[in-house]
Amino acid sequence: EDERKAHEYYLQQVRDLQGSQKTAYGEGLDKGLQQGRAEGLQEGEKIGMEKGKLEANLATAKKLLVKGMSIAEIAETLELSEDEIRSIE
C-alpha cells in the first residue's frame, strides 16, 4: 500500500512538472508572438511612411518637371535620385 501511494505521488509530481513546463512554454510562446507582432507593426509602419514620402516626392517631382525644372534641381530639392525622377517621365 505504501509503495502504491509513493508511486501515485511520484506520478502526480511528474504530471505537475509537465503541466508547469507546458504552461511556461505556452506563456513564452505567447510573449514571443506578441513581441514579434509589435516589432512587425513598427517595421511595417516605418516602411509605409517611407513609401508614402517617396510617392509624395515623386508626385511633386512630376509637377516640377511639367513646369520645366531640371532633373538635377528636382533631385537636389526633393532628395531623390535622378533615376527615380527619370522613371516618372
PDB file of N, CA and C in Angstrom:
ATOM      1  N   GLU A   1       0.832  -1.206   0.000  1.00  0.00           N
ATOM      2  CA  GLU A   1       0.000   0.000   0.000  1.00  0.00           C
ATOM      3  C   GLU A   1       0.873   1.266   0.000  1.00  0.00           C
ATOM      4  N   ASP A   2       1.909   1.272   0.831  1.00  0.00           N
ATOM      5  CA  ASP A   2       2.788   2.441   0.904  1.00  0.00           C
ATOM      6  C   ASP A   2       3.518   2.679  -0.417  1.00  0.00           C
ATOM      7  N   GLU A   3       3.952   1.582  -1.047  1.00  0.00           N
ATOM      8  CA  GLU A   3       4.638   1.710  -2.329  1.00  0.00           C
ATOM      9  C   GLU A   3       3.708   2.265  -3.404  1.00  0.00           C
ATOM     10  N   ARG A   4       2.455   1.794  -3.395  1.00  0.00           N
ATOM     11  CA  ARG A   4       1.474   2.284  -4.370  1.00  0.00           C
ATOM     12  C   ARG A   4       1.234   3.770  -4.180  1.00  0.00           C
ATOM     13  N   LYS A   5       1.085   4.217  -2.948  1.00  0.00           N
ATOM     14  CA  LYS A   5       0.872   5.634  -2.650  1.00  0.00           C
ATOM     15  C   LYS A   5       2.099   6.465  -3.066  1.00  0.00           C
ATOM     16  N   ALA A   6       3.287   5.917  -2.791  1.00  0.00           N
ATOM     17  CA  ALA A   6       4.518   6.615  -3.174  1.00  0.00           C
ATOM     18  C   ALA A   6       4.611   6.728  -4.686  1.00  0.00           C
ATOM     19  N   HIS A   7       4.221   5.665  -5.378  1.00  0.00           N
ATOM     20  CA  HIS A   7       4.249   5.689  -6.833  1.00  0.00           C
ATOM     21  C   HIS A   7       3.213   6.680  -7.388  1.00  0.00           C
ATOM     22  N   GLU A   8       2.031   6.695  -6.841  1.00  0.00           N
ATOM     23  CA  GLU A   8       0.999   7.653  -7.264  1.00  0.00           C
ATOM     24  C   GLU A   8       1.466   9.084  -7.011  1.00  0.00           C
ATOM     25  N   TYR A   9       2.105   9.285  -5.861  1.00  0.00           N
ATOM     26  CA  TYR A   9       2.640  10.619  -5.541  1.00  0.00           C
ATOM     27  C   TYR A   9       3.694  11.013  -6.572  1.00  0.00           C
ATOM     28  N   TYR A  10       4.564  10.072  -6.905  1.00  0.00           N
ATOM     29  CA  TYR A  10       5.602  10.325  -7.903  1.00  0.00           C
ATOM     30  C   TYR A  10       4.962  10.678  -9.248  1.00  0.00           C
ATOM     31  N   LEU A  11       3.981   9.899  -9.663  1.00  0.00           N
ATOM     32  CA  LEU A  11       3.313  10.164 -10.943  1.00  0.00           C
ATOM     33  C   LEU A  11       2.646  11.539 -10.944  1.00  0.00           C
ATOM     34  N   GLN A  12       2.046  11.917  -9.836  1.00  0.00           N
ATOM     35  CA  GLN A  12       1.406  13.237  -9.731  1.00  0.00           C
ATOM     36  C   GLN A  12       2.455  14.348  -9.844  1.00  0.00           C
ATOM     37  N   GLN A  13       3.617  14.132  -9.220  1.00  0.00           N
ATOM     38  CA  GLN A  13       4.699  15.124  -9.311  1.00  0.00           C
ATOM     39  C   GLN A  13       5.175  15.272 -10.754  1.00  0.00           C
ATOM     40  N   VAL A  14       5.289  14.161 -11.456  1.00  0.00           N
ATOM     41  CA  VAL A  14       5.705  14.194 -12.869  1.00  0.00           C
ATOM     42  C   VAL A  14       4.665  14.947 -13.697  1.00  0.00           C
ATOM     43  N   ARG A  15       3.383  14.661 -13.486  1.00  0.00           N
ATOM     44  CA  ARG A  15       2.309  15.356 -14.217  1.00  0.00           C
ATOM     45  C   ARG A  15       2.329  16.855 -13.929  1.00  0.00           C
ATOM     46  N   ASP A  16       2.524  17.211 -12.661  1.00  0.00           N
ATOM     47  CA  ASP A  16       2.588  18.628 -12.283  1.00  0.00           C
ATOM     48  C   ASP A  16       3.751  19.330 -12.972  1.00  0.00           C
ATOM     49  N   LEU A  17       4.895  18.662 -13.005  1.00  0.00           N
ATOM     50  CA  LEU A  17       6.071  19.235 -13.650  1.00  0.00           C
ATOM     51  C   LEU A  17       5.826  19.415 -15.151  1.00  0.00           C
ATOM     52  N   GLN A  18       5.238  18.405 -15.773  1.00  0.00           N
ATOM     53  CA  GLN A  18       4.938  18.502 -17.205  1.00  0.00           C
ATOM     54  C   GLN A  18       3.947  19.637 -17.476  1.00  0.00           C
ATOM     55  N   GLY A  19       2.966  19.767 -16.616  1.00  0.00           N
ATOM     56  CA  GLY A  19       1.989  20.852 -16.768  1.00  0.00           C
ATOM     57  C   GLY A  19       2.642  22.216 -16.629  1.00  0.00           C
ATOM     58  N   SER A  20       3.548  22.331 -15.663  1.00  0.00           N
ATOM     59  CA  SER A  20       4.266  23.593 -15.475  1.00  0.00           C
ATOM     60  C   SER A  20       5.113  23.923 -16.688  1.00  0.00           C
ATOM     61  N   GLN A  21       5.767  22.924 -17.248  1.00  0.00           N
ATOM     62  CA  GLN A  21       6.603  23.139 -18.423  1.00  0.00           C
ATOM     63  C   GLN A  21       5.751  23.576 -19.622  1.00  0.00           C
ATOM     64  N   LYS A  22       4.610  22.919 -19.811  1.00  0.00           N
ATOM     65  CA  LYS A  22       3.728  23.294 -20.914  1.00  0.00           C
ATOM     66  C   LYS A  22       3.210  24.722 -20.736  1.00  0.00           C
ATOM     67  N   THR A  23       2.867  25.072 -19.516  1.00  0.00           N
ATOM     68  CA  THR A  23       2.385  26.422 -19.236  1.00  0.00           C
ATOM     69  C   THR A  23       3.474  27.449 -19.514  1.00  0.00           C
ATOM     70  N   ALA A  24       4.681  27.181 -19.037  1.00  0.00           N
ATOM     71  CA  ALA A  24       5.799  28.107 -19.247  1.00  0.00           C
ATOM     72  C   ALA A  24       6.101  28.240 -20.737  1.00  0.00           C
ATOM     73  N   TYR A  25       6.076  27.128 -21.464  1.00  0.00           N
ATOM     74  CA  TYR A  25       6.316  27.152 -22.901  1.00  0.00           C
ATOM     75  C   TYR A  25       5.246  27.982 -23.594  1.00  0.00           C
ATOM     76  N   GLY A  26       4.000  27.748 -23.233  1.00  0.00           N
ATOM     77  CA  GLY A  26       2.892  28.491 -23.842  1.00  0.00           C
ATOM     78  C   GLY A  26       2.979  29.983 -23.559  1.00  0.00           C
ATOM     79  N   GLU A  27       3.314  30.332 -22.327  1.00  0.00           N
ATOM     80  CA  GLU A  27       3.449  31.744 -21.971  1.00  0.00           C
ATOM     81  C   GLU A  27       4.614  32.388 -22.720  1.00  0.00           C
ATOM     82  N   GLY A  28       5.717  31.661 -22.839  1.00  0.00           N
ATOM     83  CA  GLY A  28       6.870  32.175 -23.578  1.00  0.00           C
ATOM     84  C   GLY A  28       6.558  32.348 -25.053  1.00  0.00           C
ATOM     85  N   LEU A  29       5.837  31.385 -25.598  1.00  0.00           N
ATOM     86  CA  LEU A  29       5.438  31.462 -27.000  1.00  0.00           C
ATOM     87  C   LEU A  29       4.516  32.656 -27.231  1.00  0.00           C
ATOM     88  N   ASP A  30       3.542  32.843 -26.364  1.00  0.00           N
ATOM     89  CA  ASP A  30       2.625  33.979 -26.479  1.00  0.00           C
ATOM     90  C   ASP A  30       3.377  35.307 -26.393  1.00  0.00           C
ATOM     91  N   LYS A  31       4.282  35.388 -25.438  1.00  0.00           N
ATOM     92  CA  LYS A  31       5.062  36.622 -25.274  1.00  0.00           C
ATOM     93  C   LYS A  31       5.911  36.884 -26.518  1.00  0.00           C
ATOM     94  N   GLY A  32       6.536  35.844 -27.046  1.00  0.00           N
ATOM     95  CA  GLY A  32       7.353  35.984 -28.247  1.00  0.00           C
ATOM     96  C   GLY A  32       6.522  36.416 -29.445  1.00  0.00           C
ATOM     97  N   LEU A  33       5.345  35.841 -29.593  1.00  0.00           N
ATOM     98  CA  LEU A  33       4.459  36.219 -30.704  1.00  0.00           C
ATOM     99  C   LEU A  33       4.002  37.669 -30.584  1.00  0.00           C
ATOM    100  N   GLN A  34       3.649  38.074 -29.374  1.00  0.00           N
ATOM    101  CA  GLN A  34       3.232  39.463 -29.165  1.00  0.00           C
ATOM    102  C   GLN A  34       4.365  40.431 -29.482  1.00  0.00           C
ATOM    103  N   GLN A  35       5.564  40.099 -29.036  1.00  0.00           N
ATOM    104  CA  GLN A  35       6.717  40.959 -29.303  1.00  0.00           C
ATOM    105  C   GLN A  35       6.997  41.001 -30.806  1.00  0.00           C
ATOM    106  N   GLY A  36       6.920  39.860 -31.460  1.00  0.00           N
ATOM    107  CA  GLY A  36       7.147  39.804 -32.904  1.00  0.00           C
ATOM    108  C   GLY A  36       6.122  40.623 -33.667  1.00  0.00           C
ATOM    109  N   ARG A  37       4.865  40.533 -33.256  1.00  0.00           N
ATOM    110  CA  ARG A  37       3.816  41.327 -33.918  1.00  0.00           C
ATOM    111  C   ARG A  37       4.063  42.817 -33.728  1.00  0.00           C
ATOM    112  N   ALA A  38       4.418  43.207 -32.521  1.00  0.00           N
ATOM    113  CA  ALA A  38       4.665  44.632 -32.239  1.00  0.00           C
ATOM    114  C   ALA A  38       5.829  45.148 -33.084  1.00  0.00           C
ATOM    115  N   GLU A  39       6.900  44.367 -33.146  1.00  0.00           N
ATOM    116  CA  GLU A  39       8.049  44.784 -33.953  1.00  0.00           C
ATOM    117  C   GLU A  39       7.682  44.813 -35.429  1.00  0.00           C
ATOM    118  N   GLY A  40       6.881  43.845 -35.863  1.00  0.00           N
ATOM    119  CA  GLY A  40       6.447  43.807 -37.255  1.00  0.00           C
ATOM    120  C   GLY A  40       5.586  45.006 -37.606  1.00  0.00           C
ATOM    121  N   LEU A  41       4.696  45.384 -36.690  1.00  0.00           N
ATOM    122  CA  LEU A  41       3.860  46.556 -36.927  1.00  0.00           C
ATOM    123  C   LEU A  41       4.695  47.822 -37.013  1.00  0.00           C
ATOM    124  N   GLN A  42       5.679  47.946 -36.130  1.00  0.00           N
ATOM    125  CA  GLN A  42       6.541  49.124 -36.155  1.00  0.00           C
ATOM    126  C   GLN A  42       7.321  49.178 -37.465  1.00  0.00           C
ATOM    127  N   GLU A  43       7.849  48.042 -37.891  1.00  0.00           N
ATOM    128  CA  GLU A  43       8.617  47.999 -39.138  1.00  0.00           C
ATOM    129  C   GLU A  43       7.700  48.287 -40.323  1.00  0.00           C
ATOM    130  N   GLY A  44       6.498  47.728 -40.304  1.00  0.00           N
ATOM    131  CA  GLY A  44       5.535  47.981 -41.381  1.00  0.00           C
ATOM    132  C   GLY A  44       5.145  49.442 -41.441  1.00  0.00           C
ATOM    133  N   GLU A  45       4.973  50.049 -40.284  1.00  0.00           N
ATOM    134  CA  GLU A  45       4.636  51.466 -40.214  1.00  0.00           C
ATOM    135  C   GLU A  45       5.771  52.308 -40.795  1.00  0.00           C
ATOM    136  N   LYS A  46       6.986  51.950 -40.448  1.00  0.00           N
ATOM    137  CA  LYS A  46       8.163  52.672 -40.949  1.00  0.00           C
ATOM    138  C   LYS A  46       8.251  52.558 -42.469  1.00  0.00           C
ATOM    139  N   ILE A  47       8.075  51.365 -42.984  1.00  0.00           N
ATOM    140  CA  ILE A  47       8.132  51.150 -44.434  1.00  0.00           C
ATOM    141  C   ILE A  47       7.012  51.918 -45.121  1.00  0.00           C
ATOM    142  N   GLY A  48       5.828  51.902 -44.529  1.00  0.00           N
ATOM    143  CA  GLY A  48       4.692  52.629 -45.097  1.00  0.00           C
ATOM    144  C   GLY A  48       4.940  54.130 -45.147  1.00  0.00           C
ATOM    145  N   MET A  49       5.525  54.653 -44.087  1.00  0.00           N
ATOM    146  CA  MET A  49       5.827  56.093 -44.059  1.00  0.00           C
ATOM    147  C   MET A  49       6.850  56.450 -45.137  1.00  0.00           C
ATOM    148  N   GLU A  50       7.885  55.619 -45.272  1.00  0.00           N
ATOM    149  CA  GLU A  50       8.907  55.872 -46.285  1.00  0.00           C
ATOM    150  C   GLU A  50       8.315  55.790 -47.685  1.00  0.00           C
ATOM    151  N   LYS A  51       7.455  54.811 -47.908  1.00  0.00           N
ATOM    152  CA  LYS A  51       6.822  54.652 -49.218  1.00  0.00           C
ATOM    153  C   LYS A  51       5.917  55.848 -49.516  1.00  0.00           C
ATOM    154  N   GLY A  52       5.168  56.283 -48.517  1.00  0.00           N
ATOM    155  CA  GLY A  52       4.291  57.442 -48.695  1.00  0.00           C
ATOM    156  C   GLY A  52       5.081  58.702 -49.000  1.00  0.00           C
ATOM    157  N   LYS A  53       6.199  58.885 -48.319  1.00  0.00           N
ATOM    158  CA  LYS A  53       7.050  60.059 -48.572  1.00  0.00           C
ATOM    159  C   LYS A  53       7.602  60.007 -49.987  1.00  0.00           C
ATOM    160  N   LEU A  54       8.054  58.837 -50.420  1.00  0.00           N
ATOM    161  CA  LEU A  54       8.583  58.686 -51.771  1.00  0.00           C
ATOM    162  C   LEU A  54       7.512  58.993 -52.808  1.00  0.00           C
ATOM    163  N   GLU A  55       6.322  58.448 -52.610  1.00  0.00           N
ATOM    164  CA  GLU A  55       5.230  58.695 -53.566  1.00  0.00           C
ATOM    165  C   GLU A  55       4.878  60.175 -53.628  1.00  0.00           C
ATOM    166  N   ALA A  56       4.863  60.847 -52.476  1.00  0.00           N
ATOM    167  CA  ALA A  56       4.561  62.277 -52.457  1.00  0.00           C
ATOM    168  C   ALA A  56       5.662  63.062 -53.175  1.00  0.00           C
ATOM    169  N   ASN A  57       6.923  62.693 -52.929  1.00  0.00           N
ATOM    170  CA  ASN A  57       8.029  63.380 -53.594  1.00  0.00           C
ATOM    171  C   ASN A  57       8.012  63.139 -55.103  1.00  0.00           C
ATOM    172  N   LEU A  58       7.652  61.943 -55.519  1.00  0.00           N
ATOM    173  CA  LEU A  58       7.582  61.658 -56.955  1.00  0.00           C
ATOM    174  C   LEU A  58       6.448  62.444 -57.610  1.00  0.00           C
ATOM    175  N   ALA A  59       5.335  62.581 -56.917  1.00  0.00           N
ATOM    176  CA  ALA A  59       4.223  63.372 -57.456  1.00  0.00           C
ATOM    177  C   ALA A  59       4.636  64.835 -57.588  1.00  0.00           C
ATOM    178  N   THR A  60       5.343  65.341 -56.598  1.00  0.00           N
ATOM    179  CA  THR A  60       5.837  66.720 -56.653  1.00  0.00           C
ATOM    180  C   THR A  60       6.854  66.866 -57.773  1.00  0.00           C
ATOM    181  N   ALA A  61       7.736  65.892 -57.920  1.00  0.00           N
ATOM    182  CA  ALA A  61       8.746  65.929 -58.980  1.00  0.00           C
ATOM    183  C   ALA A  61       8.082  65.976 -60.352  1.00  0.00           C
ATOM    184  N   LYS A  62       7.029  65.222 -60.525  1.00  0.00           N
ATOM    185  CA  LYS A  62       6.309  65.209 -61.812  1.00  0.00           C
ATOM    186  C   LYS A  62       5.765  66.600 -62.128  1.00  0.00           C
ATOM    187  N   LYS A  63       5.208  67.259 -61.142  1.00  0.00           N
ATOM    188  CA  LYS A  63       4.681  68.608 -61.335  1.00  0.00           C
ATOM    189  C   LYS A  63       5.800  69.585 -61.678  1.00  0.00           C
ATOM    190  N   LEU A  64       6.944  69.442 -61.006  1.00  0.00           N
ATOM    191  CA  LEU A  64       8.069  70.334 -61.268  1.00  0.00           C
ATOM    192  C   LEU A  64       8.650  70.093 -62.659  1.00  0.00           C
ATOM    193  N   LEU A  65       8.650  68.858 -63.115  1.00  0.00           N
ATOM    194  CA  LEU A  65       9.109  68.564 -64.470  1.00  0.00           C
ATOM    195  C   LEU A  65       8.220  69.244 -65.504  1.00  0.00           C
ATOM    196  N   VAL A  66       6.910  69.191 -65.265  1.00  0.00           N
ATOM    197  CA  VAL A  66       5.957  69.826 -66.177  1.00  0.00           C
ATOM    198  C   VAL A  66       6.199  71.334 -66.226  1.00  0.00           C
ATOM    199  N   LYS A  67       6.594  71.903 -65.107  1.00  0.00           N
ATOM    200  CA  LYS A  67       6.850  73.346 -65.040  1.00  0.00           C
ATOM    201  C   LYS A  67       8.219  73.716 -65.615  1.00  0.00           C
ATOM    202  N   GLY A  68       9.030  72.696 -65.982  1.00  0.00           N
ATOM    203  CA  GLY A  68      10.296  72.971 -66.633  1.00  0.00           C
ATOM    204  C   GLY A  68      11.519  72.962 -65.747  1.00  0.00           C
ATOM    205  N   MET A  69      11.399  72.551 -64.513  1.00  0.00           N
ATOM    206  CA  MET A  69      12.554  72.498 -63.623  1.00  0.00           C
ATOM    207  C   MET A  69      13.446  71.335 -64.058  1.00  0.00           C
ATOM    208  N   SER A  70      14.761  71.492 -63.941  1.00  0.00           N
ATOM    209  CA  SER A  70      15.686  70.445 -64.382  1.00  0.00           C
ATOM    210  C   SER A  70      15.660  69.250 -63.431  1.00  0.00           C
ATOM    211  N   ILE A  71      16.027  68.096 -63.975  1.00  0.00           N
ATOM    212  CA  ILE A  71      16.068  66.872 -63.183  1.00  0.00           C
ATOM    213  C   ILE A  71      17.061  67.023 -62.027  1.00  0.00           C
ATOM    214  N   ALA A  72      18.190  67.628 -62.292  1.00  0.00           N
ATOM    215  CA  ALA A  72      19.211  67.804 -61.249  1.00  0.00           C
ATOM    216  C   ALA A  72      18.685  68.670 -60.107  1.00  0.00           C
ATOM    217  N   GLU A  73      17.979  69.747 -60.435  1.00  0.00           N
ATOM    218  CA  GLU A  73      17.434  70.623 -59.394  1.00  0.00           C
ATOM    219  C   GLU A  73      16.362  69.914 -58.577  1.00  0.00           C
ATOM    220  N   ILE A  74      15.521  69.170 -59.257  1.00  0.00           N
ATOM    221  CA  ILE A  74      14.463  68.428 -58.560  1.00  0.00           C
ATOM    222  C   ILE A  74      15.081  67.388 -57.628  1.00  0.00           C
ATOM    223  N   ALA A  75      16.077  66.674 -58.142  1.00  0.00           N
ATOM    224  CA  ALA A  75      16.736  65.640 -57.341  1.00  0.00           C
ATOM    225  C   ALA A  75      17.337  66.240 -56.074  1.00  0.00           C
ATOM    226  N   GLU A  76      17.969  67.367 -56.205  1.00  0.00           N
ATOM    227  CA  GLU A  76      18.597  68.009 -55.041  1.00  0.00           C
ATOM    228  C   GLU A  76      17.535  68.519 -54.065  1.00  0.00           C
ATOM    229  N   THR A  77      16.509  69.137 -54.601  1.00  0.00           N
ATOM    230  CA  THR A  77      15.472  69.729 -53.759  1.00  0.00           C
ATOM    231  C   THR A  77      14.673  68.674 -52.987  1.00  0.00           C
ATOM    232  N   LEU A  78      14.300  67.597 -53.663  1.00  0.00           N
ATOM    233  CA  LEU A  78      13.433  66.584 -53.047  1.00  0.00           C
ATOM    234  C   LEU A  78      14.195  65.374 -52.503  1.00  0.00           C
ATOM    235  N   GLU A  79      15.517  65.421 -52.585  1.00  0.00           N
ATOM    236  CA  GLU A  79      16.350  64.317 -52.118  1.00  0.00           C
ATOM    237  C   GLU A  79      15.976  62.994 -52.781  1.00  0.00           C
ATOM    238  N   LEU A  80      15.816  63.064 -54.105  1.00  0.00           N
ATOM    239  CA  LEU A  80      15.558  61.883 -54.925  1.00  0.00           C
ATOM    240  C   LEU A  80      16.754  61.673 -55.838  1.00  0.00           C
ATOM    241  N   SER A  81      16.888  60.462 -56.354  1.00  0.00           N
ATOM    242  CA  SER A  81      17.936  60.231 -57.342  1.00  0.00           C
ATOM    243  C   SER A  81      17.408  60.676 -58.709  1.00  0.00           C
ATOM    244  N   GLU A  82      18.340  60.999 -59.576  1.00  0.00           N
ATOM    245  CA  GLU A  82      17.931  61.402 -60.926  1.00  0.00           C
ATOM    246  C   GLU A  82      17.237  60.243 -61.631  1.00  0.00           C
ATOM    247  N   ASP A  83      17.648  59.016 -61.360  1.00  0.00           N
ATOM    248  CA  ASP A  83      16.991  57.847 -61.954  1.00  0.00           C
ATOM    249  C   ASP A  83      15.536  57.727 -61.502  1.00  0.00           C
ATOM    250  N   GLU A  84      15.292  58.024 -60.227  1.00  0.00           N
ATOM    251  CA  GLU A  84      13.900  57.972 -59.750  1.00  0.00           C
ATOM    252  C   GLU A  84      13.054  59.011 -60.488  1.00  0.00           C
ATOM    253  N   ILE A  85      13.611  60.158 -60.712  1.00  0.00           N
ATOM    254  CA  ILE A  85      12.858  61.212 -61.420  1.00  0.00           C
ATOM    255  C   ILE A  85      12.660  60.836 -62.865  1.00  0.00           C
ATOM    256  N   ARG A  86      13.676  60.280 -63.507  1.00  0.00           N
ATOM    257  CA  ARG A  86      13.537  59.853 -64.904  1.00  0.00           C
ATOM    258  C   ARG A  86      12.477  58.757 -65.051  1.00  0.00           C
ATOM    259  N   SER A  87      12.313  57.969 -64.024  1.00  0.00           N
ATOM    260  CA  SER A  87      11.339  56.858 -64.109  1.00  0.00           C
ATOM    261  C   SER A  87       9.897  57.356 -64.182  1.00  0.00           C
ATOM    262  N   ILE A  88       9.654  58.621 -63.797  1.00  0.00           N
ATOM    263  CA  ILE A  88       8.283  59.143 -63.850  1.00  0.00           C
ATOM    264  C   ILE A  88       8.014  59.927 -65.119  1.00  0.00           C
ATOM    265  N   GLU A  89       9.058  60.201 -65.902  1.00  0.00           N
ATOM    266  CA  GLU A  89       8.885  60.979 -67.142  1.00  0.00           C
ATOM    267  C   GLU A  89       8.059  60.216 -68.146  1.00  0.00           C
TER     268      GLU A  89
END
